[in-house]
Protein backbone atom coordinates (compact mmCIF):
# COMPACT_ATOMS: atom_id res chain seq x y z
CA MET A 1 5.00 39.24 37.51
CA SER A 2 3.91 36.82 40.18
CA TRP A 3 2.48 33.25 39.63
CA PRO A 4 -1.00 34.70 40.64
CA ASP A 5 -0.96 36.94 38.11
CA LEU A 6 0.11 34.64 35.42
CA MET A 7 -2.44 32.43 36.43
CA GLN A 8 -5.04 35.05 36.09
CA VAL A 9 -4.02 36.15 32.39
CA ALA A 10 -3.75 32.28 31.48
CA LEU A 11 -7.34 31.57 32.74
CA LEU A 12 -8.80 34.84 31.23
CA SER A 13 -7.25 33.87 27.77
CA LEU A 14 -8.34 30.33 28.01
CA ALA A 15 -11.76 31.57 28.79
CA ILE A 16 -11.65 33.81 25.81
CA THR A 17 -10.03 31.32 23.30
CA LEU A 18 -12.92 28.91 24.33
CA LEU A 19 -15.84 31.35 23.76
CA VAL A 20 -14.50 32.61 20.41
CA GLY A 21 -13.74 29.07 19.33
CA GLY A 22 -17.16 28.12 20.09
CA ALA A 23 -18.51 30.94 18.12
CA ALA A 24 -16.60 30.02 15.20
CA VAL A 25 -17.59 26.61 15.25
CA LEU A 26 -21.12 27.92 14.99
CA VAL A 27 -19.84 30.00 11.94
CA LEU A 28 -18.27 27.06 10.28
CA LEU A 29 -21.31 25.20 10.58
CA ALA A 30 -23.50 27.63 9.02
CA VAL A 31 -20.98 28.21 6.15
CA ARG A 32 -20.05 24.53 5.93
CA ARG A 33 -21.28 24.43 2.29
CA SER A 34 -19.42 27.62 1.13
CA SER A 35 -16.20 27.58 -0.43
CA LEU A 36 -12.93 26.40 1.42
CA VAL A 37 -11.27 30.22 1.13
CA VAL A 38 -14.47 31.23 3.10
CA GLN A 39 -13.74 28.79 5.74
CA MET A 40 -10.33 29.36 5.92
CA CYS A 41 -10.78 33.00 6.53
CA VAL A 42 -13.29 32.30 9.41
CA LEU A 43 -10.50 30.13 11.15
CA VAL A 44 -8.05 32.68 10.84
CA PHE A 45 -10.38 35.49 11.86
CA ALA A 46 -11.15 33.64 14.97
CA ALA A 47 -7.76 33.04 15.70
CA LEU A 48 -6.97 36.56 15.50
CA LEU A 49 -9.80 37.65 17.51
CA SER A 50 -8.74 35.53 20.14
CA VAL A 51 -5.36 36.72 20.25
CA THR A 52 -6.63 40.45 20.03
CA LEU A 53 -9.16 39.87 23.12
CA SER A 54 -6.84 38.20 24.87
CA ILE A 55 -4.45 41.07 24.72
CA VAL A 56 -7.03 43.62 25.84
CA GLY A 57 -8.21 41.44 28.87
CA ALA A 58 -4.36 41.12 29.83
CA ALA A 59 -3.77 44.66 29.22
CA GLN A 60 -6.72 45.56 31.73
CA LEU A 61 -5.72 42.91 34.32
CA MET A 62 -2.06 44.49 34.17
CA TYR A 63 -2.93 48.09 33.90
CA LEU A 64 -0.82 48.83 30.97
CA SER A 65 -0.79 52.44 29.62
CA GLU A 66 -3.37 53.23 26.66
CA HIS A 67 -0.26 54.05 24.41
CA ASP A 68 0.97 50.47 25.08
CA LEU A 69 -2.29 48.94 24.46
CA THR A 70 -2.90 51.03 21.26
CA VAL A 71 0.64 49.69 19.78
CA ALA A 72 -0.37 46.15 20.76
CA LEU A 73 -3.65 46.52 18.97
CA ASN A 74 -2.13 47.95 15.79
CA VAL A 75 0.28 45.21 15.74
CA ALA A 76 -2.60 42.52 15.97
CA ALA A 77 -4.41 44.28 13.23
CA ILE A 78 -1.57 44.82 10.82
CA SER A 79 -0.70 40.88 11.36
CA GLY A 80 -4.31 39.65 11.40
CA ALA A 81 -4.84 41.64 7.85
CA VAL A 82 -1.83 40.06 6.27
CA SER A 83 -2.53 36.67 7.87
CA LEU A 84 -6.20 36.80 6.30
CA ALA A 85 -4.84 37.68 2.77
CA LEU A 86 -2.27 34.77 3.25
CA SER A 87 -5.02 32.76 3.96
CA ALA A 88 -7.11 33.62 0.94
CA ALA A 89 -4.52 33.39 -1.44
CA LEU A 90 -3.48 30.05 0.09
CA GLY A 91 -7.10 28.93 -0.17
CA ALA A 92 -7.52 30.15 -3.53
CA VAL A 93 -4.59 27.87 -4.67
CA VAL A 94 -6.23 24.79 -3.00
CA VAL A 95 -9.74 25.36 -4.54
CA ARG A 96 -8.04 25.77 -7.67
CA ASN A 97 -6.13 22.35 -7.36
CA ALA A 98 -9.37 20.88 -6.34
CA LYS A 99 -11.22 22.17 -9.26
CA ALA A 100 -8.25 20.72 -11.90
CA LEU A 101 -9.04 17.38 -9.93
CA SER A 102 -12.63 17.56 -10.16
CA ARG A 103 -12.49 18.14 -14.03
CA ALA A 104 -10.14 15.21 -14.51
CA ALA A 105 -12.42 13.01 -12.19
CA ARG A 106 -15.33 14.07 -14.45
CA ARG A 107 -13.06 13.18 -17.70
CA ILE A 108 -12.33 9.96 -16.20
CA GLY A 109 -15.91 9.54 -15.62
CA ALA A 110 -17.00 10.41 -19.10
CA GLY A 111 -14.65 7.72 -20.66
CA GLU A 112 -11.78 10.01 -21.45
CA ARG A 113 -8.18 9.03 -20.64
CA VAL A 114 -6.33 11.68 -18.60
CA ASP A 115 -2.71 11.71 -18.89
CA ALA A 116 -1.79 14.64 -16.54
CA VAL A 117 -3.40 16.94 -14.08
CA ALA A 118 -1.50 20.24 -14.09
CA GLY A 119 -1.04 22.83 -11.67
CA GLN A 120 -0.59 20.86 -8.49
CA SER A 121 1.00 23.08 -5.64
CA SER A 122 1.62 20.51 -2.91
CA ALA A 123 2.88 16.82 -2.38
CA GLU A 124 -0.67 15.55 -1.26
CA PHE A 125 -2.31 16.95 -4.35
CA ARG A 126 0.57 15.64 -6.62
CA ALA A 127 0.19 12.47 -5.26
CA LEU A 128 -3.67 12.48 -5.71
CA ALA A 129 -3.18 13.62 -9.43
CA ASP A 130 -0.67 10.58 -9.91
CA GLU A 131 -3.42 8.24 -8.68
CA LEU A 132 -6.04 9.69 -10.90
CA VAL A 133 -3.87 9.28 -13.95
CA ALA A 134 -2.79 5.76 -13.43
CA THR A 135 -6.67 5.01 -12.59
CA SER A 136 -7.57 6.43 -16.07
CA ALA A 137 -5.02 4.46 -17.48
CA LYS A 138 -6.23 1.18 -15.83
CA LEU A 139 -9.48 2.17 -16.65
CA ASP A 140 -8.39 2.88 -20.27
CA GLN A 141 -6.80 -0.63 -20.33
CA ALA A 142 -10.05 -2.17 -19.06
CA ARG A 143 -12.21 -0.51 -21.64
CA GLU A 144 -9.94 -1.93 -24.41
CA LEU A 145 -9.66 -5.41 -23.04
CA GLN A 146 -13.56 -5.51 -22.75
CA ARG A 147 -13.81 -4.34 -26.46
CA ARG A 148 -11.35 -6.79 -27.40
CA VAL A 149 -13.60 -9.53 -25.36
CA GLU A 150 -16.80 -8.22 -27.18
CA GLU A 151 -15.47 -8.32 -30.55
CA SER A 152 -13.84 -11.84 -29.87
CA ARG A 153 -17.52 -12.98 -28.76
CA ARG A 154 -19.15 -11.54 -31.71
CA GLU A 155 -16.38 -13.31 -33.97
CA LEU A 156 -17.12 -16.33 -31.97
CA VAL A 157 -20.79 -16.59 -32.31
CA ALA A 158 -20.44 -15.84 -36.11
CA TRP A 159 -18.10 -18.55 -36.74
CA ILE A 160 -19.86 -20.93 -34.64
CA ALA A 161 -23.05 -20.31 -36.52
CA HIS A 162 -21.53 -20.84 -39.65
CA ASP A 163 -19.68 -23.77 -38.80
CA LEU A 164 -22.84 -25.33 -37.09
CA ARG A 165 -24.69 -24.60 -40.37
CA THR A 166 -22.38 -26.28 -42.67
CA PRO A 167 -22.46 -29.86 -41.05
CA LEU A 168 -26.22 -29.50 -40.07
CA ALA A 169 -27.11 -28.73 -43.59
CA GLY A 170 -24.94 -31.75 -44.98
CA ILE A 171 -26.80 -34.31 -42.44
CA MET A 172 -30.10 -32.96 -43.29
CA SER A 173 -29.58 -33.17 -47.27
CA MET A 174 -28.09 -36.72 -46.73
CA ALA A 175 -30.73 -37.98 -44.52
CA GLU A 176 -33.45 -36.68 -46.90
CA ALA A 177 -31.41 -38.63 -49.60
CA LEU A 178 -31.36 -41.70 -47.57
CA GLU A 179 -35.24 -41.32 -46.77
CA ASP A 180 -36.09 -41.18 -50.22
CA ASP A 181 -34.01 -43.71 -51.35
CA MET A 182 -31.80 -41.22 -53.64
CA ALA A 183 -28.68 -42.44 -51.97
CA ALA A 184 -26.56 -44.15 -54.43
CA ASP A 185 -24.24 -45.50 -51.91
CA PRO A 186 -26.05 -45.44 -48.33
CA ARG A 187 -22.67 -46.80 -46.58
CA ARG A 188 -20.89 -43.65 -47.84
CA TYR A 189 -23.75 -41.40 -46.83
CA HIS A 190 -23.70 -43.10 -43.15
CA ARG A 191 -19.99 -42.70 -42.91
CA GLN A 192 -20.21 -39.04 -43.87
CA MET A 193 -23.08 -38.40 -41.41
CA ARG A 194 -21.18 -39.91 -38.84
CA GLU A 195 -17.94 -37.56 -39.48
CA GLN A 196 -20.23 -34.65 -39.42
CA VAL A 197 -21.83 -35.80 -35.94
CA SER A 198 -18.37 -36.41 -35.07
CA ARG A 199 -17.53 -32.76 -35.90
CA LEU A 200 -20.46 -31.21 -34.08
CA SER A 201 -19.62 -33.34 -30.81
CA ALA A 202 -16.02 -31.78 -30.92
CA MET A 203 -17.35 -28.38 -31.45
CA VAL A 204 -19.63 -28.77 -28.31
CA ASP A 205 -17.00 -30.20 -26.01
CA ASP A 206 -14.83 -27.51 -27.27
CA LEU A 207 -17.62 -25.01 -25.98
CA PHE A 208 -18.06 -26.93 -22.95
CA GLU A 209 -14.37 -26.66 -21.88
CA LEU A 210 -14.05 -23.10 -23.03
CA SER A 211 -17.06 -22.56 -20.60
CA LYS A 212 -15.12 -24.32 -17.64
CA ILE A 213 -12.25 -22.05 -18.35
CA ASP A 214 -14.08 -18.92 -18.44
CA SER A 215 -16.16 -19.71 -15.41
CA GLY A 216 -13.31 -20.82 -13.24
CA THR A 217 -14.53 -24.50 -12.86
CA LEU A 218 -11.96 -26.22 -14.56
CA ARG A 219 -10.74 -28.78 -12.25
CA LEU A 220 -7.30 -30.45 -12.63
CA SER A 221 -6.14 -33.85 -10.99
CA LEU A 222 -2.54 -33.09 -10.80
CA GLU A 223 0.11 -36.17 -10.72
CA GLU A 224 3.33 -36.72 -11.93
CA VAL A 225 3.59 -37.55 -15.79
CA SER A 226 6.41 -37.81 -18.16
CA LEU A 227 6.86 -35.10 -20.49
CA TYR A 228 8.06 -37.18 -23.39
CA ASP A 229 5.29 -39.86 -22.89
CA VAL A 230 2.57 -37.11 -23.09
CA ILE A 231 3.92 -35.95 -26.43
CA SER A 232 4.57 -39.24 -27.86
CA ASP A 233 1.27 -40.44 -27.16
CA THR A 234 -0.51 -37.39 -28.39
CA VAL A 235 1.77 -37.64 -31.64
CA ALA A 236 0.77 -41.17 -32.15
CA ASP A 237 -2.79 -40.36 -31.76
CA LEU A 238 -2.52 -37.92 -34.30
CA ARG A 239 -0.79 -39.63 -37.18
CA PRO A 240 -3.91 -40.37 -38.74
CA LEU A 241 -4.82 -36.93 -39.12
CA SER A 242 -1.49 -35.78 -40.57
CA ALA A 243 -2.64 -36.73 -43.98
CA GLY A 244 1.31 -37.81 -44.61
CA ARG A 245 3.16 -34.83 -42.86
CA ASP A 246 6.15 -35.58 -41.06
CA ILE A 247 5.65 -34.80 -37.44
CA ARG A 248 8.88 -35.04 -35.78
CA ILE A 249 9.80 -35.15 -31.93
CA ARG A 250 13.04 -33.35 -30.96
CA SER A 251 13.72 -33.77 -27.36
CA GLU A 252 16.37 -32.05 -25.52
CA LEU A 253 15.55 -33.73 -22.23
CA ASP A 254 18.36 -35.04 -20.08
CA GLY A 255 16.65 -38.23 -19.21
CA ASP A 256 12.91 -38.60 -18.89
CA ALA A 257 11.54 -35.05 -17.34
CA VAL A 258 8.54 -35.54 -14.78
CA ILE A 259 6.22 -32.68 -14.29
CA SER A 260 3.22 -32.28 -12.13
CA ALA A 261 0.15 -31.97 -14.45
CA ASP A 262 -3.36 -33.20 -15.40
CA PRO A 263 -2.49 -35.43 -18.02
CA ARG A 264 -5.79 -35.46 -19.69
CA GLU A 265 -6.09 -31.82 -19.98
CA LEU A 266 -2.07 -31.46 -21.09
CA SER A 267 -2.55 -34.20 -23.65
CA ARG A 268 -5.77 -31.93 -24.96
CA ALA A 269 -3.36 -28.92 -25.11
CA VAL A 270 -0.69 -30.64 -27.26
CA SER A 271 -3.35 -32.07 -29.06
CA ASN A 272 -4.87 -28.76 -30.01
CA LEU A 273 -1.47 -27.18 -30.79
CA LEU A 274 -0.61 -30.21 -33.07
CA LEU A 275 -4.03 -29.87 -34.85
CA ASN A 276 -3.42 -26.37 -35.73
CA ALA A 277 -0.02 -27.19 -37.06
CA ILE A 278 -1.41 -30.00 -39.06
CA GLN A 279 -4.47 -27.83 -40.41
CA HIS A 280 -1.88 -24.76 -41.53
CA THR A 281 1.25 -26.68 -42.84
CA PRO A 282 0.93 -27.60 -46.48
CA ASP A 283 1.35 -31.29 -47.45
CA GLY A 284 5.03 -32.57 -47.21
CA SER A 285 6.06 -29.76 -44.95
CA PRO A 286 7.08 -31.25 -41.50
CA ILE A 287 6.15 -30.26 -38.07
CA THR A 288 8.31 -30.41 -35.30
CA VAL A 289 7.65 -31.07 -31.54
CA ALA A 290 10.25 -29.96 -29.17
CA ALA A 291 10.53 -30.58 -25.59
CA SER A 292 13.08 -29.05 -23.21
CA VAL A 293 13.33 -28.09 -19.30
CA SER A 294 15.30 -24.90 -18.25
CA ASP A 295 15.15 -22.97 -15.32
CA SER A 296 12.64 -25.10 -13.50
CA ARG A 297 10.16 -24.80 -16.36
CA ALA A 298 9.25 -27.54 -18.85
CA SER A 299 8.45 -26.49 -22.39
CA ILE A 300 6.79 -28.15 -25.41
CA ALA A 301 7.21 -26.08 -28.45
CA VAL A 302 5.38 -26.91 -31.80
CA ILE A 303 6.83 -25.32 -34.94
CA ASP A 304 4.72 -25.35 -38.30
CA SER A 305 5.47 -24.40 -41.72
CA GLY A 306 2.02 -22.23 -41.97
CA GLY A 307 3.68 -19.17 -43.42
CA GLY A 308 3.60 -17.17 -40.28
CA ILE A 309 1.17 -14.61 -38.79
CA ALA A 310 0.86 -10.90 -39.48
CA GLU A 311 2.69 -9.38 -36.40
CA ASP A 312 -0.52 -7.13 -35.50
CA ASP A 313 -2.57 -10.40 -35.02
CA LEU A 314 -0.07 -12.10 -32.86
CA HIS A 315 -1.82 -10.78 -29.64
CA ARG A 316 -5.02 -12.06 -30.96
CA VAL A 317 -4.08 -15.65 -31.70
CA PHE A 318 -5.58 -17.15 -28.39
CA ASP A 319 -8.83 -15.16 -28.36
CA PRO A 320 -11.82 -17.46 -28.69
CA GLY A 321 -13.11 -17.43 -32.34
CA TRP A 322 -10.44 -15.73 -33.79
CA ARG A 323 -9.16 -16.92 -37.05
CA GLY A 324 -6.08 -15.47 -39.01
CA ALA A 325 -5.62 -14.28 -42.82
CA GLU A 326 -7.04 -16.90 -45.39
CA ALA A 327 -3.65 -18.38 -45.78
CA ARG A 328 -3.80 -19.98 -42.28
CA THR A 329 -7.93 -20.44 -42.14
CA PRO A 330 -8.33 -24.16 -40.99
CA SER A 331 -9.01 -26.56 -43.75
CA HIS A 332 -10.70 -29.96 -42.39
CA HIS A 333 -9.45 -33.21 -43.83
CA THR A 334 -11.51 -36.27 -44.71
CA ALA A 335 -9.69 -38.84 -42.69
CA GLU A 336 -11.29 -40.79 -40.09
CA THR A 337 -10.95 -38.37 -36.87
CA GLY A 338 -12.78 -39.43 -34.13
CA SER A 339 -12.95 -37.36 -30.71
CA LEU A 340 -9.50 -35.87 -31.52
CA ARG A 341 -11.00 -33.97 -34.74
CA SER A 342 -10.81 -30.12 -34.57
CA SER A 343 -14.16 -28.55 -33.87
CA GLY A 344 -12.99 -25.79 -36.49
CA ALA A 345 -14.53 -22.75 -34.36
CA GLY A 346 -11.60 -21.26 -33.42
CA LEU A 347 -11.46 -22.54 -29.88
CA GLY A 348 -8.49 -24.77 -29.95
CA LEU A 349 -5.79 -22.02 -29.02
CA ALA A 350 -8.29 -20.65 -26.51
CA ILE A 351 -8.46 -23.66 -24.67
CA VAL A 352 -4.90 -24.06 -24.74
CA ARG A 353 -4.45 -20.94 -23.02
CA GLY A 354 -6.85 -21.71 -20.56
CA ILE A 355 -5.08 -25.01 -19.57
CA ALA A 356 -1.78 -23.55 -19.33
CA ALA A 357 -3.20 -20.71 -16.96
CA ALA A 358 -4.88 -23.60 -14.80
CA HIS A 359 -1.27 -25.20 -14.46
CA ASN A 360 0.41 -21.70 -13.57
CA GLY A 361 2.07 -21.40 -16.92
CA ASP A 362 1.55 -19.85 -20.27
CA VAL A 363 1.80 -20.17 -23.89
CA THR A 364 3.03 -18.13 -26.44
CA VAL A 365 3.52 -17.80 -30.30
CA SER A 366 5.98 -16.26 -32.44
CA ASN A 367 7.32 -16.21 -36.00
CA VAL A 368 9.71 -18.47 -37.61
CA ALA A 369 11.24 -19.09 -40.90
CA GLY A 370 8.30 -20.27 -42.83
CA GLY A 371 5.89 -20.75 -40.09
CA CYS A 372 4.75 -20.17 -36.42
CA ARG A 373 6.49 -21.61 -33.04
CA PHE A 374 3.78 -22.51 -30.45
CA GLU A 375 5.36 -22.76 -27.00
CA LEU A 376 3.69 -24.24 -24.06
CA ARG A 377 5.57 -23.53 -20.59
CA LEU A 378 4.66 -24.99 -17.38
CA PRO A 379 6.15 -24.90 -14.05
CA ARG A 380 8.46 -27.86 -12.88
CA PRO A 381 7.88 -27.97 -9.10
CA ALA A 382 9.58 -30.33 -6.79
CA THR A 383 7.92 -33.71 -6.46
CA ARG A 384 4.30 -33.84 -5.22
CA GLY A 385 1.64 -36.29 -4.73
CA VAL A 386 -1.73 -36.03 -6.35
CA ASP A 387 -3.86 -32.95 -6.05
CA ASP A 388 -6.95 -31.35 -6.92
CA THR A 389 -6.59 -27.90 -8.35
CA VAL A 390 -9.53 -25.36 -9.53
CA LEU A 391 -8.72 -22.68 -12.16
CA ALA A 392 -9.79 -19.63 -10.01
């Protein structure tokens, strides 16, 4: 076959293909809302029609015999029929996979958890199914977290309402007694009223601190502080609240460990851990504060003798407003407490967790023999200057 003849056949095939392709595009636009099987069959049929018409056109140009043309057309028809059948079968499989994914998506949208999507026949569909399963698991975790947060908020509101009612009622009754000159010892009434006001002030202070933590506006003024000094000063401040309990400091530090922290917030966190231990430790039982540094992390552990916490409740210890079993319910002392007095609203440990997170650290709790071990762990970076950090 000469070069001009080949050019004629190529141009004819190109023209036929363009015409058939244009017609196929119009048909696809018309059936764009129909099933994927129909659209695939339209594409395959357009390709076969283009090939068949090109063969007929080439036969006319090359003056092939009628027998050769008939053979070519039969071959094209058989191949076309088989191709259409295979396309329909493949389209049916694709549609089935798509429907399975759609059902899984609807279940996820309805709040159900999807652990598997069966019947995926290709790598792409399997990858999409795996992503749906992973998304379902994350949404389930998010719903569980939201449920726990809502439950914690309800408990917090209930406990705060209870703790506000008690001191307010006491203040009102004592004020009425003083007003009616019914108080046998006015000085004692004034002292008790001051203690109740101090308790309310501590509660408001804790709520304000927790709101800053939750809103991401807790600002830290970082500076180099001595870990041992923070612990010893905090223990000394809380001695009057210990009601005779033996608070021991056990240091495993090689020399004076210096960390980068906000001294006020760090002291508040240690105070809250110690107050929690004081409130739950029986009279005559020791409280141990241990300090150590390992793997570039500083650790402050407070070990009490309060009887431990149920294993199922350990993950809730740091939730705002949560209070454990009756054996670990806080009991307030009558000693002068000043600004260090615990509010009793179940916010102290939640504040510790927020302060630890602000320092890029964490706080954990575990049961030990006879009590609990709360451990505050903070990173110990290289020497750095004073900095301001916002808890995000």
